[in-house]
């Protein structure tokens, strides 16, 4: 039986590799890092989260919560690792980034049916394969994908969640509360008077703005634009 080739060691690629291997397939999982680094990743681990550490709601009345319930019943590697590395987040499933990625990396490295290949794939394979390289696909492979599909890409620019230095916070003025009055009180909150709110708004409007790295027609995702 021919090995199943999976390109990309992100969430989708890791889940695909695990599910195939669990069903007896011999899998070669290709991840270009650390041989070919990206501008975003900070480690060499598989399934490194480069945006939010939240996997959204666990509540079954939410689509994302129902999906997680189904994934748990189907022995999802990603959800299993998330549960094992979860941190307090009210009704949401949030994870410790490093523990989450380390858990997945270790389980795939030690799976008897999976071989992890730290090499860059620059062309879409001619044999059946799963391409799961995501938005940080290398330029050569991206060009090959575009040539294979014979068209342009569909994309948008998703904001990066802002990270605040804990040492800069005055915890004497903060309080714990849940989000949307659901789940545990696991989030730090700051109560602002109308005057303080107006000051914050004016400071944000007058702050230095980051220029787009590419052209000016960046397709921003309007539903996810935190302050950066």
N, C-alpha and C. Protein backbone atom coordinates (compact mmCIF):
# COMPACT_ATOMS: atom_id res chain seq x y z
N UNK A 1 0.85 -1.20 0.00
CA UNK A 1 0.00 0.00 0.00
C UNK A 1 0.89 1.25 0.00
N UNK A 2 0.59 2.18 -0.90
CA UNK A 2 1.40 3.39 -1.02
C UNK A 2 1.20 4.30 0.18
N UNK A 3 2.29 4.97 0.61
CA UNK A 3 2.18 5.91 1.72
C UNK A 3 1.27 7.07 1.34
N UNK A 4 0.51 7.54 2.30
CA UNK A 4 -0.31 8.73 2.11
C UNK A 4 0.55 9.95 2.38
N UNK A 5 0.64 10.86 1.43
CA UNK A 5 1.43 12.07 1.57
C UNK A 5 0.53 13.19 2.07
N UNK A 6 0.92 13.81 3.16
CA UNK A 6 0.20 14.97 3.69
C UNK A 6 1.20 16.11 3.81
N UNK A 7 0.87 17.24 3.20
CA UNK A 7 1.78 18.39 3.20
C UNK A 7 1.21 19.45 4.12
N UNK A 8 1.97 19.78 5.17
CA UNK A 8 1.55 20.81 6.11
C UNK A 8 1.26 20.24 7.48
N UNK A 9 2.02 20.71 8.48
CA UNK A 9 1.87 20.21 9.84
C UNK A 9 1.08 21.15 10.74
N UNK A 10 0.06 21.77 10.19
CA UNK A 10 -0.83 22.61 11.00
C UNK A 10 -1.95 21.77 11.57
N UNK A 11 -3.03 22.42 11.98
CA UNK A 11 -4.14 21.70 12.60
C UNK A 11 -4.75 20.68 11.65
N UNK A 12 -5.05 21.11 10.42
CA UNK A 12 -5.71 20.22 9.46
C UNK A 12 -4.81 19.05 9.07
N UNK A 13 -3.54 19.34 8.78
CA UNK A 13 -2.62 18.29 8.38
C UNK A 13 -2.38 17.28 9.48
N UNK A 14 -2.25 17.76 10.71
CA UNK A 14 -2.02 16.86 11.84
C UNK A 14 -3.23 15.97 12.09
N UNK A 15 -4.42 16.55 12.02
CA UNK A 15 -5.63 15.76 12.23
C UNK A 15 -5.78 14.71 11.14
N UNK A 16 -5.53 15.11 9.89
CA UNK A 16 -5.64 14.17 8.78
C UNK A 16 -4.64 13.03 8.93
N UNK A 17 -3.41 13.36 9.32
CA UNK A 17 -2.38 12.34 9.50
C UNK A 17 -2.79 11.35 10.59
N UNK A 18 -3.28 11.87 11.70
CA UNK A 18 -3.66 11.02 12.82
C UNK A 18 -4.82 10.10 12.45
N UNK A 19 -5.85 10.67 11.83
CA UNK A 19 -7.03 9.86 11.49
C UNK A 19 -6.68 8.77 10.49
N UNK A 20 -5.87 9.10 9.50
CA UNK A 20 -5.46 8.10 8.51
C UNK A 20 -4.62 7.00 9.16
N UNK A 21 -3.68 7.42 10.01
CA UNK A 21 -2.79 6.46 10.66
C UNK A 21 -3.56 5.54 11.61
N UNK A 22 -4.54 6.09 12.28
CA UNK A 22 -5.35 5.29 13.19
C UNK A 22 -6.13 4.21 12.44
N UNK A 23 -6.37 4.45 11.17
CA UNK A 23 -7.11 3.49 10.35
C UNK A 23 -6.18 2.58 9.54
N UNK A 24 -4.90 2.59 9.90
CA UNK A 24 -3.96 1.64 9.31
C UNK A 24 -3.12 2.14 8.16
N UNK A 25 -3.34 3.37 7.72
CA UNK A 25 -2.56 3.90 6.60
C UNK A 25 -1.16 4.30 7.06
N UNK A 26 -0.18 4.12 6.17
CA UNK A 26 1.16 4.60 6.42
C UNK A 26 1.24 6.04 5.90
N UNK A 27 1.61 6.95 6.78
CA UNK A 27 1.54 8.38 6.47
C UNK A 27 2.92 9.02 6.49
N UNK A 28 3.18 9.84 5.48
CA UNK A 28 4.34 10.73 5.49
C UNK A 28 3.82 12.15 5.61
N UNK A 29 4.09 12.77 6.76
CA UNK A 29 3.64 14.13 7.02
C UNK A 29 4.80 15.10 6.81
N UNK A 30 4.68 15.96 5.81
CA UNK A 30 5.74 16.90 5.48
C UNK A 30 5.48 18.26 6.13
N UNK A 31 6.47 18.75 6.85
CA UNK A 31 6.44 20.09 7.46
C UNK A 31 7.77 20.76 7.16
N UNK A 32 7.75 21.92 6.52
CA UNK A 32 9.00 22.56 6.08
C UNK A 32 9.79 23.18 7.22
N UNK A 33 9.13 23.53 8.33
CA UNK A 33 9.87 24.10 9.45
C UNK A 33 10.63 22.99 10.18
N UNK A 34 11.82 23.22 10.74
CA UNK A 34 12.57 24.48 10.79
C UNK A 34 13.47 24.73 9.57
N UNK A 35 13.49 23.79 8.63
CA UNK A 35 14.35 23.95 7.46
C UNK A 35 14.01 25.23 6.70
N UNK A 36 12.72 25.48 6.55
CA UNK A 36 12.25 26.71 5.91
C UNK A 36 11.32 27.40 6.91
N UNK A 37 11.80 28.42 7.63
CA UNK A 37 10.98 29.09 8.65
C UNK A 37 9.96 30.04 8.02
N UNK A 38 9.02 30.48 8.83
CA UNK A 38 8.08 31.52 8.40
C UNK A 38 8.28 32.75 9.27
N UNK A 39 7.64 33.84 8.91
CA UNK A 39 7.78 35.08 9.68
C UNK A 39 6.89 35.08 10.92
N UNK A 40 6.01 34.10 11.03
CA UNK A 40 5.02 34.10 12.11
C UNK A 40 5.32 33.05 13.16
N UNK A 41 5.68 31.85 12.76
CA UNK A 41 5.90 30.77 13.72
C UNK A 41 7.08 31.07 14.63
N UNK A 42 6.96 30.65 15.88
CA UNK A 42 8.01 30.89 16.87
C UNK A 42 8.73 29.61 17.28
N UNK A 43 8.16 28.45 16.99
CA UNK A 43 8.76 27.18 17.39
C UNK A 43 8.82 26.24 16.18
N UNK A 44 9.37 25.06 16.42
CA UNK A 44 9.41 24.03 15.38
C UNK A 44 8.30 23.00 15.56
N UNK A 45 7.45 23.18 16.57
CA UNK A 45 6.40 22.21 16.85
C UNK A 45 5.35 22.18 15.75
N UNK A 46 4.72 21.04 15.61
CA UNK A 46 3.57 20.91 14.74
C UNK A 46 2.37 21.59 15.41
N UNK A 47 1.39 21.96 14.61
CA UNK A 47 0.13 22.52 15.13
C UNK A 47 0.35 23.73 16.04
N UNK A 48 1.34 24.55 15.73
CA UNK A 48 1.56 25.76 16.52
C UNK A 48 0.47 26.78 16.21
N UNK A 49 -0.18 27.27 17.25
CA UNK A 49 -1.21 28.29 17.07
C UNK A 49 -0.54 29.65 16.91
N UNK A 50 -0.81 30.32 15.82
CA UNK A 50 -0.18 31.62 15.56
C UNK A 50 -1.17 32.77 15.71
N UNK A 51 -2.42 32.45 16.03
CA UNK A 51 -3.41 33.51 16.26
C UNK A 51 -3.98 33.30 17.66
N UNK A 52 -5.27 33.35 17.81
CA UNK A 52 -5.89 33.22 19.12
C UNK A 52 -5.68 31.82 19.70
N UNK A 53 -5.59 31.74 21.03
CA UNK A 53 -5.47 30.44 21.69
C UNK A 53 -6.84 29.89 22.04
N UNK A 54 -7.91 30.55 21.60
CA UNK A 54 -9.27 30.09 21.87
C UNK A 54 -9.81 29.30 20.69
N UNK A 55 -10.39 28.15 21.00
CA UNK A 55 -11.05 27.33 19.99
C UNK A 55 -12.57 27.53 20.05
N UNK A 56 -12.96 28.64 20.63
CA UNK A 56 -14.37 29.07 20.70
C UNK A 56 -15.17 28.22 21.69
N UNK A 57 -16.49 28.37 21.64
CA UNK A 57 -17.38 27.87 22.68
C UNK A 57 -17.42 26.35 22.78
N UNK A 58 -17.63 25.89 24.03
CA UNK A 58 -17.88 24.47 24.29
C UNK A 58 -19.37 24.18 24.42
N UNK A 59 -20.19 25.22 24.45
CA UNK A 59 -21.62 25.04 24.66
C UNK A 59 -22.27 24.34 23.47
N UNK A 60 -23.14 23.38 23.76
CA UNK A 60 -23.77 22.61 22.70
C UNK A 60 -24.83 23.38 21.94
N UNK A 61 -25.23 24.55 22.45
CA UNK A 61 -26.19 25.36 21.70
C UNK A 61 -25.49 26.26 20.68
N UNK A 62 -24.18 26.13 20.59
CA UNK A 62 -23.39 26.87 19.60
C UNK A 62 -22.85 25.88 18.57
N UNK A 63 -22.76 26.32 17.32
CA UNK A 63 -22.25 25.43 16.27
C UNK A 63 -20.85 24.92 16.58
N UNK A 64 -19.99 25.82 17.09
CA UNK A 64 -18.61 25.42 17.40
C UNK A 64 -18.57 24.42 18.54
N UNK A 65 -19.47 24.58 19.52
CA UNK A 65 -19.53 23.64 20.64
C UNK A 65 -20.03 22.27 20.21
N UNK A 66 -21.02 22.25 19.34
CA UNK A 66 -21.54 20.98 18.83
C UNK A 66 -20.49 20.27 17.98
N UNK A 67 -19.74 21.04 17.21
CA UNK A 67 -18.67 20.45 16.40
C UNK A 67 -17.62 19.79 17.29
N UNK A 68 -17.27 20.43 18.40
CA UNK A 68 -16.29 19.84 19.32
C UNK A 68 -16.82 18.55 19.92
N UNK A 69 -18.11 18.54 20.27
CA UNK A 69 -18.72 17.34 20.84
C UNK A 69 -18.61 16.19 19.85
N UNK A 70 -18.88 16.47 18.59
CA UNK A 70 -18.79 15.44 17.56
C UNK A 70 -17.34 14.99 17.38
N UNK A 71 -16.40 15.94 17.42
CA UNK A 71 -14.99 15.60 17.24
C UNK A 71 -14.47 14.74 18.38
N UNK A 72 -14.95 14.99 19.60
CA UNK A 72 -14.54 14.16 20.73
C UNK A 72 -15.02 12.73 20.53
N UNK A 73 -16.21 12.55 20.04
CA UNK A 73 -16.76 11.21 19.81
C UNK A 73 -16.01 10.50 18.68
N UNK A 74 -15.40 11.27 17.79
CA UNK A 74 -14.67 10.69 16.67
C UNK A 74 -13.16 10.58 16.94
N UNK A 75 -12.76 10.75 18.20
CA UNK A 75 -11.35 10.62 18.60
C UNK A 75 -10.47 11.64 17.88
N UNK A 76 -10.87 12.90 17.92
CA UNK A 76 -10.08 13.96 17.29
C UNK A 76 -8.78 14.20 18.05
N UNK A 77 -7.68 14.20 17.34
CA UNK A 77 -6.38 14.51 17.95
C UNK A 77 -6.36 15.94 18.45
N UNK A 78 -6.86 16.87 17.65
CA UNK A 78 -6.80 18.29 17.99
C UNK A 78 -7.60 18.58 19.25
N UNK A 79 -8.82 18.07 19.33
CA UNK A 79 -9.65 18.34 20.50
C UNK A 79 -9.11 17.63 21.73
N UNK A 80 -8.59 16.43 21.55
CA UNK A 80 -7.99 15.71 22.68
C UNK A 80 -6.82 16.49 23.26
N UNK A 81 -5.96 17.02 22.39
CA UNK A 81 -4.81 17.82 22.84
C UNK A 81 -5.28 19.12 23.47
N UNK A 82 -6.33 19.71 22.93
CA UNK A 82 -6.86 20.95 23.48
C UNK A 82 -7.42 20.73 24.88
N UNK A 83 -8.15 19.65 25.06
CA UNK A 83 -8.69 19.33 26.39
C UNK A 83 -7.56 19.10 27.40
N UNK A 84 -6.49 18.46 26.95
CA UNK A 84 -5.37 18.14 27.84
C UNK A 84 -4.55 19.37 28.20
N UNK A 85 -4.63 20.41 27.41
CA UNK A 85 -3.82 21.62 27.64
C UNK A 85 -4.69 22.86 27.87
N UNK A 86 -5.93 22.65 28.26
CA UNK A 86 -6.87 23.77 28.40
C UNK A 86 -6.51 24.67 29.57
N UNK A 87 -6.89 25.92 29.44
CA UNK A 87 -6.73 26.92 30.50
C UNK A 87 -8.10 27.54 30.77
N UNK A 88 -8.31 28.12 31.97
CA UNK A 88 -9.62 28.71 32.27
C UNK A 88 -10.02 29.76 31.23
N UNK A 89 -11.23 29.60 30.69
CA UNK A 89 -11.71 30.54 29.67
C UNK A 89 -13.23 30.59 29.64
N UNK A 90 -13.85 30.43 30.81
CA UNK A 90 -15.30 30.48 30.86
C UNK A 90 -15.91 29.32 30.09
N UNK A 91 -16.85 29.63 29.20
CA UNK A 91 -17.51 28.58 28.42
C UNK A 91 -16.74 28.22 27.15
N UNK A 92 -15.63 28.90 26.92
CA UNK A 92 -14.83 28.62 25.72
C UNK A 92 -13.75 27.59 26.01
N UNK A 93 -13.22 26.99 24.97
CA UNK A 93 -12.08 26.08 25.08
C UNK A 93 -10.84 26.82 24.62
N UNK A 94 -10.03 27.23 25.58
CA UNK A 94 -8.77 27.91 25.28
C UNK A 94 -7.63 27.04 25.77
N UNK A 95 -6.46 27.19 25.17
CA UNK A 95 -5.36 26.28 25.47
C UNK A 95 -4.07 27.03 25.78
N UNK A 96 -3.18 26.33 26.48
CA UNK A 96 -1.80 26.78 26.62
C UNK A 96 -1.13 26.44 25.30
N UNK A 97 -0.71 27.45 24.55
CA UNK A 97 -0.20 27.24 23.19
C UNK A 97 0.92 26.20 23.12
N UNK A 98 1.91 26.35 23.98
CA UNK A 98 3.09 25.48 23.90
C UNK A 98 2.75 24.04 24.30
N UNK A 99 1.94 23.86 25.34
CA UNK A 99 1.55 22.51 25.75
C UNK A 99 0.70 21.84 24.67
N UNK A 100 -0.17 22.63 24.06
CA UNK A 100 -1.04 22.11 23.00
C UNK A 100 -0.21 21.59 21.83
N UNK A 101 0.70 22.41 21.32
CA UNK A 101 1.53 22.01 20.18
C UNK A 101 2.47 20.86 20.55
N UNK A 102 3.03 20.91 21.75
CA UNK A 102 3.95 19.85 22.19
C UNK A 102 3.23 18.51 22.30
N UNK A 103 2.00 18.54 22.78
CA UNK A 103 1.19 17.32 22.91
C UNK A 103 0.98 16.67 21.54
N UNK A 104 0.57 17.48 20.57
CA UNK A 104 0.30 16.96 19.23
C UNK A 104 1.59 16.47 18.58
N UNK A 105 2.66 17.24 18.70
CA UNK A 105 3.94 16.86 18.10
C UNK A 105 4.42 15.52 18.64
N UNK A 106 4.35 15.36 19.96
CA UNK A 106 4.81 14.13 20.59
C UNK A 106 3.98 12.92 20.14
N UNK A 107 2.68 13.09 20.08
CA UNK A 107 1.82 11.96 19.71
C UNK A 107 2.02 11.53 18.26
N UNK A 108 2.26 12.49 17.38
CA UNK A 108 2.49 12.14 15.98
C UNK A 108 3.89 11.55 15.79
N UNK A 109 4.88 12.11 16.49
CA UNK A 109 6.25 11.59 16.38
C UNK A 109 6.34 10.14 16.85
N UNK A 110 5.49 9.78 17.81
CA UNK A 110 5.55 8.44 18.38
C UNK A 110 4.52 7.48 17.80
N UNK A 111 3.79 7.92 16.80
CA UNK A 111 2.80 7.03 16.18
C UNK A 111 3.52 6.09 15.21
N UNK A 112 3.30 4.78 15.32
CA UNK A 112 4.03 3.82 14.48
C UNK A 112 3.72 3.94 12.98
N UNK A 113 2.61 4.55 12.63
CA UNK A 113 2.24 4.64 11.21
C UNK A 113 2.54 6.00 10.59
N UNK A 114 3.21 6.87 11.34
CA UNK A 114 3.47 8.22 10.84
C UNK A 114 4.97 8.50 10.79
N UNK A 115 5.42 8.98 9.65
CA UNK A 115 6.79 9.46 9.50
C UNK A 115 6.73 10.97 9.25
N UNK A 116 7.37 11.74 10.11
CA UNK A 116 7.39 13.19 9.96
C UNK A 116 8.64 13.59 9.18
N UNK A 117 8.43 14.25 8.06
CA UNK A 117 9.53 14.65 7.18
C UNK A 117 9.69 16.16 7.23
N UNK A 118 10.81 16.62 7.71
CA UNK A 118 11.05 18.07 7.83
C UNK A 118 11.70 18.59 6.55
N UNK A 119 10.91 18.62 5.50
CA UNK A 119 11.38 19.07 4.20
C UNK A 119 10.30 19.91 3.52
N UNK A 120 10.74 20.80 2.64
CA UNK A 120 9.80 21.63 1.90
C UNK A 120 9.35 20.91 0.64
N UNK A 121 8.06 20.89 0.40
CA UNK A 121 7.51 20.40 -0.86
C UNK A 121 7.23 21.62 -1.72
N UNK A 122 7.77 21.65 -2.91
CA UNK A 122 7.65 22.84 -3.75
C UNK A 122 6.66 22.68 -4.90
N UNK A 123 6.17 21.46 -5.11
CA UNK A 123 5.21 21.22 -6.18
C UNK A 123 4.10 20.31 -5.68
N UNK A 124 2.90 20.51 -6.21
CA UNK A 124 1.78 19.63 -5.88
C UNK A 124 2.09 18.23 -6.41
N UNK A 125 2.05 17.21 -5.57
CA UNK A 125 2.39 15.85 -6.02
C UNK A 125 1.47 15.37 -7.14
N UNK A 126 2.00 14.53 -8.00
CA UNK A 126 1.20 13.95 -9.08
C UNK A 126 0.37 12.78 -8.59
N UNK A 127 0.74 12.22 -7.44
CA UNK A 127 -0.01 11.13 -6.84
C UNK A 127 -0.98 11.69 -5.81
N UNK A 128 -2.02 10.93 -5.42
CA UNK A 128 -2.98 11.44 -4.43
C UNK A 128 -2.30 11.90 -3.15
N UNK A 129 -2.66 13.07 -2.68
CA UNK A 129 -2.06 13.65 -1.48
C UNK A 129 -3.03 14.65 -0.87
N UNK A 130 -2.78 14.99 0.37
CA UNK A 130 -3.55 16.03 1.05
C UNK A 130 -2.65 17.25 1.20
N UNK A 131 -3.08 18.37 0.65
CA UNK A 131 -2.33 19.63 0.78
C UNK A 131 -3.04 20.47 1.83
N UNK A 132 -2.39 20.68 2.97
CA UNK A 132 -2.99 21.40 4.09
C UNK A 132 -1.99 22.42 4.63
N UNK A 133 -1.48 23.26 3.75
CA UNK A 133 -0.40 24.18 4.13
C UNK A 133 -0.88 25.53 4.63
N UNK A 134 -2.14 25.86 4.43
CA UNK A 134 -2.69 27.07 5.03
C UNK A 134 -2.13 28.36 4.46
N UNK A 135 -2.36 29.47 5.17
CA UNK A 135 -1.98 30.80 4.66
C UNK A 135 -0.48 31.07 4.64
N UNK A 136 0.31 30.23 5.30
CA UNK A 136 1.76 30.43 5.32
C UNK A 136 2.47 29.47 4.37
N UNK A 137 1.77 29.09 3.32
CA UNK A 137 2.36 28.24 2.28
C UNK A 137 3.58 28.93 1.67
N UNK A 138 4.62 28.16 1.40
CA UNK A 138 5.82 28.75 0.79
C UNK A 138 5.49 29.25 -0.61
N UNK A 139 6.28 30.20 -1.09
CA UNK A 139 6.00 30.83 -2.38
C UNK A 139 6.01 29.82 -3.53
N UNK A 140 6.97 28.90 -3.51
CA UNK A 140 7.07 27.93 -4.61
C UNK A 140 5.86 27.01 -4.64
N UNK A 141 5.45 26.51 -3.48
CA UNK A 141 4.30 25.61 -3.46
C UNK A 141 3.02 26.38 -3.78
N UNK A 142 2.92 27.62 -3.31
CA UNK A 142 1.75 28.44 -3.62
C UNK A 142 1.60 28.63 -5.13
N UNK A 143 2.73 28.86 -5.79
CA UNK A 143 2.71 29.03 -7.25
C UNK A 143 2.28 27.73 -7.93
N UNK A 144 2.73 26.60 -7.40
CA UNK A 144 2.36 25.31 -7.97
C UNK A 144 0.88 25.03 -7.78
N UNK A 145 0.36 25.38 -6.60
CA UNK A 145 -1.07 25.19 -6.33
C UNK A 145 -1.90 26.04 -7.29
N UNK A 146 -1.47 27.28 -7.47
CA UNK A 146 -2.20 28.19 -8.36
C UNK A 146 -2.18 27.67 -9.80
N UNK A 147 -1.04 27.16 -10.22
CA UNK A 147 -0.94 26.62 -11.58
C UNK A 147 -1.82 25.38 -11.73
N UNK A 148 -1.84 24.55 -10.70
CA UNK A 148 -2.64 23.32 -10.74
C UNK A 148 -4.13 23.64 -10.79
N UNK A 149 -4.56 24.62 -10.01
CA UNK A 149 -5.97 24.99 -9.96
C UNK A 149 -6.39 25.84 -11.15
N UNK A 150 -5.41 26.52 -11.75
CA UNK A 150 -5.72 27.33 -12.92
C UNK A 150 -6.50 28.58 -12.62
N UNK A 151 -6.32 29.14 -11.44
CA UNK A 151 -7.05 30.36 -11.09
C UNK A 151 -6.39 31.08 -9.94
N UNK A 152 -7.03 32.16 -9.49
CA UNK A 152 -6.48 32.93 -8.38
C UNK A 152 -6.86 32.34 -7.04
N UNK A 153 -6.44 33.02 -5.97
CA UNK A 153 -6.71 32.55 -4.63
C UNK A 153 -7.87 33.33 -4.01
N UNK A 154 -8.58 32.68 -3.11
CA UNK A 154 -9.57 33.36 -2.27
C UNK A 154 -8.91 33.61 -0.93
N UNK A 155 -8.94 34.82 -0.44
CA UNK A 155 -8.24 35.11 0.81
C UNK A 155 -8.79 36.36 1.47
N UNK A 156 -8.46 36.50 2.74
CA UNK A 156 -8.72 37.73 3.47
C UNK A 156 -7.63 37.90 4.51
N UNK A 157 -7.50 39.09 5.04
CA UNK A 157 -6.48 39.39 6.05
C UNK A 157 -7.13 39.34 7.42
N UNK A 158 -6.70 38.38 8.23
CA UNK A 158 -7.24 38.21 9.58
C UNK A 158 -6.32 38.91 10.57
N UNK A 159 -6.89 39.65 11.49
CA UNK A 159 -6.08 40.39 12.46
C UNK A 159 -5.39 39.44 13.44
N UNK A 160 -4.24 39.85 13.93
CA UNK A 160 -3.52 39.11 14.95
C UNK A 160 -3.98 39.59 16.32
N UNK A 161 -4.34 38.65 17.18
CA UNK A 161 -4.82 39.03 18.50
C UNK A 161 -3.73 39.79 19.26
N UNK A 162 -4.05 40.94 19.83
CA UNK A 162 -3.03 41.72 20.55
C UNK A 162 -2.59 41.01 21.82
N UNK A 163 -1.33 41.13 22.14
CA UNK A 163 -0.77 40.54 23.36
C UNK A 163 -0.34 41.66 24.29
N UNK A 164 -0.83 41.60 25.52
CA UNK A 164 -0.54 42.64 26.51
C UNK A 164 0.46 42.11 27.52
N UNK A 165 1.48 42.89 27.82
CA UNK A 165 2.46 42.53 28.84
C UNK A 165 1.79 42.59 30.21
N UNK A 166 1.76 41.47 30.92
CA UNK A 166 1.09 41.43 32.22
C UNK A 166 1.69 42.43 33.20
N UNK A 167 2.99 42.71 33.08
CA UNK A 167 3.64 43.65 33.99
C UNK A 167 3.12 45.08 33.81
N UNK A 168 2.45 45.33 32.68
CA UNK A 168 1.95 46.68 32.43
C UNK A 168 0.55 46.91 33.00
N UNK A 169 -0.05 45.88 33.59
CA UNK A 169 -1.42 45.98 34.10
C UNK A 169 -1.44 46.27 35.59
N UNK A 170 -2.38 47.09 36.00
CA UNK A 170 -2.61 47.38 37.41
C UNK A 170 -3.75 46.48 37.88
N UNK A 171 -3.41 45.34 38.45
CA UNK A 171 -4.42 44.35 38.81
C UNK A 171 -5.31 44.82 39.96
N UNK A 172 -4.90 45.87 40.66
CA UNK A 172 -5.74 46.42 41.73
C UNK A 172 -7.01 47.03 41.16
N UNK A 173 -6.98 47.42 39.88
CA UNK A 173 -8.15 48.06 39.26
C UNK A 173 -8.92 47.10 38.36
N UNK A 174 -8.48 45.86 38.26
CA UNK A 174 -9.14 44.87 37.40
C UNK A 174 -9.97 43.90 38.22
N UNK A 175 -10.89 43.23 37.57
CA UNK A 175 -11.72 42.24 38.25
C UNK A 175 -12.00 41.07 37.31
N UNK A 176 -12.26 39.91 37.92
CA UNK A 176 -12.57 38.71 37.15
C UNK A 176 -14.05 38.66 36.81
N UNK A 177 -14.35 38.23 35.58
CA UNK A 177 -15.74 38.03 35.17
C UNK A 177 -15.75 37.07 33.98
N UNK A 178 -16.91 36.51 33.71
CA UNK A 178 -17.06 35.62 32.55
C UNK A 178 -17.40 36.45 31.32
N UNK A 179 -17.32 35.82 30.19
CA UNK A 179 -17.75 36.48 28.95
C UNK A 179 -19.21 36.14 28.70
N UNK A 180 -20.01 37.15 28.43
CA UNK A 180 -21.43 36.97 28.12
C UNK A 180 -22.19 36.29 29.26
N UNK A 181 -21.67 36.43 30.50
CA UNK A 181 -22.30 35.83 31.69
C UNK A 181 -22.43 34.31 31.57
N UNK A 182 -21.46 33.66 30.92
CA UNK A 182 -21.48 32.22 30.78
C UNK A 182 -20.14 31.64 31.24
N UNK A 183 -20.21 30.49 31.92
CA UNK A 183 -18.99 29.83 32.35
C UNK A 183 -18.36 30.50 33.56
N UNK A 184 -17.13 30.09 33.86
CA UNK A 184 -16.41 30.61 35.02
C UNK A 184 -15.92 32.03 34.79
N UNK A 185 -15.70 32.73 35.90
CA UNK A 185 -15.14 34.09 35.82
C UNK A 185 -13.64 33.97 35.58
N UNK A 186 -13.25 33.83 34.32
CA UNK A 186 -11.86 33.53 33.98
C UNK A 186 -11.16 34.64 33.22
N UNK A 187 -11.83 35.79 33.03
CA UNK A 187 -11.25 36.87 32.24
C UNK A 187 -11.05 38.11 33.10
N UNK A 188 -9.90 38.79 32.89
CA UNK A 188 -9.66 40.07 33.55
C UNK A 188 -10.45 41.15 32.83
N UNK A 189 -11.14 41.97 33.60
CA UNK A 189 -11.94 43.05 33.04
C UNK A 189 -11.56 44.38 33.68
N UNK A 190 -11.78 45.45 32.94
CA UNK A 190 -11.51 46.79 33.45
C UNK A 190 -12.75 47.65 33.28
N UNK A 191 -13.24 48.19 34.37
CA UNK A 191 -14.41 49.07 34.32
C UNK A 191 -13.94 50.51 34.06
N UNK A 192 -14.56 51.16 33.09
CA UNK A 192 -14.17 52.52 32.72
C UNK A 192 -15.34 53.48 32.94
N UNK A 193 -15.03 54.62 33.48
CA UNK A 193 -16.03 55.69 33.54
C UNK A 193 -16.20 56.25 32.12
N UNK A 194 -17.24 57.03 31.91
CA UNK A 194 -17.45 57.62 30.59
C UNK A 194 -16.25 58.49 30.20
N UNK A 195 -15.70 59.20 31.18
CA UNK A 195 -14.55 60.06 30.90
C UNK A 195 -13.34 59.23 30.47
N UNK A 196 -13.06 58.13 31.20
CA UNK A 196 -11.93 57.28 30.87
C UNK A 196 -12.13 56.58 29.51
N UNK A 197 -13.37 56.22 29.24
CA UNK A 197 -13.66 55.58 27.96
C UNK A 197 -13.38 56.55 26.80
N UNK A 198 -13.82 57.78 26.97
CA UNK A 198 -13.58 58.79 25.93
C UNK A 198 -12.09 59.03 25.74
N UNK A 199 -11.34 59.03 26.85
CA UNK A 199 -9.89 59.22 26.76
C UNK A 199 -9.25 58.06 25.98
N UNK A 200 -9.70 56.85 26.27
CA UNK A 200 -9.16 55.67 25.58
C UNK A 200 -9.49 55.75 24.08
N UNK A 201 -10.71 56.12 23.77
CA UNK A 201 -11.12 56.22 22.37
C UNK A 201 -10.28 57.25 21.62
N UNK A 202 -10.07 58.41 22.23
CA UNK A 202 -9.28 59.45 21.58
C UNK A 202 -7.82 59.02 21.42
N UNK A 203 -7.30 58.32 22.42
CA UNK A 203 -5.92 57.84 22.33
C UNK A 203 -5.76 56.83 21.19
N UNK A 204 -6.75 55.97 21.01
CA UNK A 204 -6.70 54.99 19.93
C UNK A 204 -6.79 55.66 18.57
N UNK A 205 -7.70 56.61 18.45
CA UNK A 205 -7.87 57.30 17.18
C UNK A 205 -6.63 58.11 16.79
N UNK A 206 -5.91 58.59 17.80
CA UNK A 206 -4.73 59.40 17.53
C UNK A 206 -3.43 58.62 17.53
N UNK A 207 -3.51 57.31 17.75
CA UNK A 207 -2.30 56.49 17.83
C UNK A 207 -1.68 56.26 16.46
N UNK A 208 -0.42 55.88 16.46
CA UNK A 208 0.28 55.58 15.22
C UNK A 208 -0.37 54.39 14.52
N UNK A 209 -0.56 54.49 13.24
CA UNK A 209 -1.21 53.43 12.48
C UNK A 209 -0.17 52.60 11.72
N UNK A 210 -0.40 51.30 11.70
CA UNK A 210 0.50 50.41 10.96
C UNK A 210 0.11 50.40 9.49
N UNK A 211 1.09 50.56 8.63
CA UNK A 211 0.83 50.54 7.20
C UNK A 211 0.74 49.09 6.70
N UNK A 212 -0.09 48.88 5.72
CA UNK A 212 -0.23 47.55 5.13
C UNK A 212 1.09 47.14 4.48
N UNK A 213 1.42 45.87 4.59
CA UNK A 213 2.69 45.38 4.04
C UNK A 213 2.62 45.23 2.53
N UNK A 214 1.43 44.95 2.01
CA UNK A 214 1.30 44.71 0.57
C UNK A 214 0.64 45.92 -0.08
N UNK A 215 -0.27 45.70 -0.99
CA UNK A 215 -0.96 46.83 -1.62
C UNK A 215 -2.07 47.34 -0.70
N UNK A 216 -2.76 48.37 -1.11
CA UNK A 216 -3.77 48.99 -0.27
C UNK A 216 -5.11 48.28 -0.32
N UNK A 217 -5.25 47.31 -1.21
CA UNK A 217 -6.52 46.60 -1.34
C UNK A 217 -6.51 45.32 -0.51
N UNK A 218 -6.12 45.43 0.75
CA UNK A 218 -6.09 44.27 1.63
C UNK A 218 -7.52 43.90 2.00
N UNK A 219 -7.95 42.65 1.76
CA UNK A 219 -9.32 42.25 2.09
C UNK A 219 -9.48 41.93 3.57
N UNK A 220 -9.59 42.96 4.39
CA UNK A 220 -9.69 42.76 5.83
C UNK A 220 -10.95 41.98 6.19
N UNK A 221 -10.82 41.11 7.18
CA UNK A 221 -11.96 40.35 7.70
C UNK A 221 -12.64 41.21 8.76
N UNK A 222 -13.79 41.78 8.42
CA UNK A 222 -14.44 42.78 9.27
C UNK A 222 -14.86 42.23 10.63
N UNK A 223 -15.08 40.90 10.72
CA UNK A 223 -15.56 40.32 11.97
C UNK A 223 -14.44 40.04 12.96
N UNK A 224 -13.21 40.30 12.57
CA UNK A 224 -12.09 40.02 13.47
C UNK A 224 -11.02 41.08 13.29
N UNK A 225 -11.28 42.26 13.85
CA UNK A 225 -10.32 43.35 13.73
C UNK A 225 -10.06 43.98 15.10
N UNK A 226 -9.34 43.26 15.97
CA UNK A 226 -9.01 43.85 17.26
C UNK A 226 -7.98 44.96 17.10
N UNK A 227 -7.77 45.69 18.17
CA UNK A 227 -6.78 46.76 18.15
C UNK A 227 -5.40 46.14 18.01
N UNK A 228 -4.60 46.64 17.09
CA UNK A 228 -3.24 46.10 16.90
C UNK A 228 -2.22 47.22 17.08
